[in-house]
Amino acid sequence: MDISQQRTGVFFAIFASLFMVIYNFTFTNMAAVYIVGDLGGSNDTASYTISIFALGNALGVPFGRALYE
């Protein structure tokens, strides 16, 4: 495998992971408002839920490996 194929593989892996992160947050942002609204909650409740979800992802990614070992 030459260097250009390795670069292509790394680029694809980074692009795919960024796509999944953006999709994950977008899906959560869009769904939370409707789910909380159907359950009788306010938009503030959806905002807090999204904030806690984002905080969990921000802490879970760097500390996940350390906690696993």
C-alpha atoms as a PDB file:
ATOM      1  CA  MET A   1       0.000   0.000   0.000  1.00  0.00           C
ATOM      2  CA  ASP A   2       1.552   3.287  -1.003  1.00  0.00           C
ATOM      3  CA  ILE A   3       1.290   6.618   0.791  1.00  0.00           C
ATOM      4  CA  SER A   4      -1.536   8.023  -1.366  1.00  0.00           C
ATOM      5  CA  GLN A   5      -3.796   5.070  -0.524  1.00  0.00           C
ATOM      6  CA  GLN A   6      -3.035   5.524   3.174  1.00  0.00           C
ATOM      7  CA  ARG A   7      -3.870   9.221   2.974  1.00  0.00           C
ATOM      8  CA  THR A   8      -7.108   8.425   1.200  1.00  0.00           C
ATOM      9  CA  GLY A   9      -8.038   5.932   3.918  1.00  0.00           C
ATOM     10  CA  VAL A  10      -7.231   8.393   6.696  1.00  0.00           C
ATOM     11  CA  PHE A  11      -9.193  11.151   4.950  1.00  0.00           C
ATOM     12  CA  PHE A  12     -12.192   8.858   4.537  1.00  0.00           C
ATOM     13  CA  ALA A  13     -12.057   7.797   8.202  1.00  0.00           C
ATOM     14  CA  ILE A  14     -11.921  11.422   9.403  1.00  0.00           C
ATOM     15  CA  PHE A  15     -14.698  12.464   7.025  1.00  0.00           C
ATOM     16  CA  ALA A  16     -16.922   9.557   8.095  1.00  0.00           C
ATOM     17  CA  SER A  17     -16.400  10.241  11.799  1.00  0.00           C
ATOM     18  CA  LEU A  18     -17.154  13.957  11.389  1.00  0.00           C
ATOM     19  CA  PHE A  19     -20.288  13.099   9.424  1.00  0.00           C
ATOM     20  CA  MET A  20     -21.489  10.763  12.171  1.00  0.00           C
ATOM     21  CA  VAL A  21     -20.880  13.355  14.906  1.00  0.00           C
ATOM     22  CA  ILE A  22     -22.737  16.067  12.994  1.00  0.00           C
ATOM     23  CA  TYR A  23     -25.581  13.672  12.151  1.00  0.00           C
ATOM     24  CA  ASN A  24     -25.810  12.530  15.774  1.00  0.00           C
ATOM     25  CA  PHE A  25     -26.121  16.062  17.141  1.00  0.00           C
ATOM     26  CA  THR A  26     -28.522  17.171  14.390  1.00  0.00           C
ATOM     27  CA  PHE A  27     -30.794  14.187  14.976  1.00  0.00           C
ATOM     28  CA  THR A  28     -30.812  14.843  18.727  1.00  0.00           C
ATOM     29  CA  ASN A  29     -31.532  18.548  18.295  1.00  0.00           C
ATOM     30  CA  MET A  30     -34.407  17.939  15.898  1.00  0.00           C
ATOM     31  CA  ALA A  31     -36.001  15.024  17.730  1.00  0.00           C
ATOM     32  CA  ALA A  32     -35.732  16.388  21.269  1.00  0.00           C
ATOM     33  CA  VAL A  33     -38.018  19.340  20.627  1.00  0.00           C
ATOM     34  CA  TYR A  34     -40.806  17.149  19.253  1.00  0.00           C
ATOM     35  CA  ILE A  35     -40.437  14.380  21.819  1.00  0.00           C
ATOM     36  CA  VAL A  36     -40.454  16.775  24.773  1.00  0.00           C
ATOM     37  CA  GLY A  37     -43.349  18.711  23.232  1.00  0.00           C
ATOM     38  CA  ASP A  38     -45.421  15.545  22.836  1.00  0.00           C
ATOM     39  CA  LEU A  39     -44.742  14.617  26.457  1.00  0.00           C
ATOM     40  CA  GLY A  40     -45.909  18.022  27.647  1.00  0.00           C
ATOM     41  CA  GLY A  41     -42.524  19.532  28.447  1.00  0.00           C
ATOM     42  CA  SER A  42     -41.167  22.943  27.565  1.00  0.00           C
ATOM     43  CA  ASN A  43     -38.434  23.967  25.165  1.00  0.00           C
ATOM     44  CA  ASP A  44     -36.192  24.622  28.169  1.00  0.00           C
ATOM     45  CA  THR A  45     -36.362  20.937  29.040  1.00  0.00           C
ATOM     46  CA  ALA A  46     -35.265  20.020  25.516  1.00  0.00           C
ATOM     47  CA  SER A  47     -32.457  22.559  25.751  1.00  0.00           C
ATOM     48  CA  TYR A  48     -31.177  21.054  28.999  1.00  0.00           C
ATOM     49  CA  THR A  49     -31.379  17.565  27.531  1.00  0.00           C
ATOM     50  CA  ILE A  50     -29.342  18.557  24.488  1.00  0.00           C
ATOM     51  CA  SER A  51     -26.778  20.336  26.682  1.00  0.00           C
ATOM     52  CA  ILE A  52     -26.323  17.263  28.876  1.00  0.00           C
ATOM     53  CA  PHE A  53     -26.061  15.059  25.778  1.00  0.00           C
ATOM     54  CA  ALA A  54     -23.364  17.325  24.323  1.00  0.00           C
ATOM     55  CA  LEU A  55     -21.495  17.429  27.631  1.00  0.00           C
ATOM     56  CA  GLY A  56     -21.600  13.654  27.883  1.00  0.00           C
ATOM     57  CA  ASN A  57     -20.179  13.292  24.382  1.00  0.00           C
ATOM     58  CA  ALA A  58     -17.511  15.914  25.015  1.00  0.00           C
ATOM     59  CA  LEU A  59     -16.370  14.131  28.173  1.00  0.00           C
ATOM     60  CA  GLY A  60     -16.947  10.595  26.990  1.00  0.00           C
ATOM     61  CA  VAL A  61     -14.792  10.735  23.902  1.00  0.00           C
ATOM     62  CA  PRO A  62     -11.510  11.786  25.534  1.00  0.00           C
ATOM     63  CA  PHE A  63     -12.045   9.887  28.785  1.00  0.00           C
ATOM     64  CA  GLY A  64     -13.568   6.757  27.268  1.00  0.00           C
ATOM     65  CA  ARG A  65     -10.302   5.011  26.631  1.00  0.00           C
ATOM     66  CA  ALA A  66      -8.908   5.887  30.060  1.00  0.00           C
ATOM     67  CA  LEU A  67     -12.040   4.546  31.737  1.00  0.00           C
ATOM     68  CA  TYR A  68     -11.948   1.406  29.603  1.00  0.00           C
ATOM     69  CA  GLU A  69      -8.423   0.503  30.684  1.00  0.00           C
END
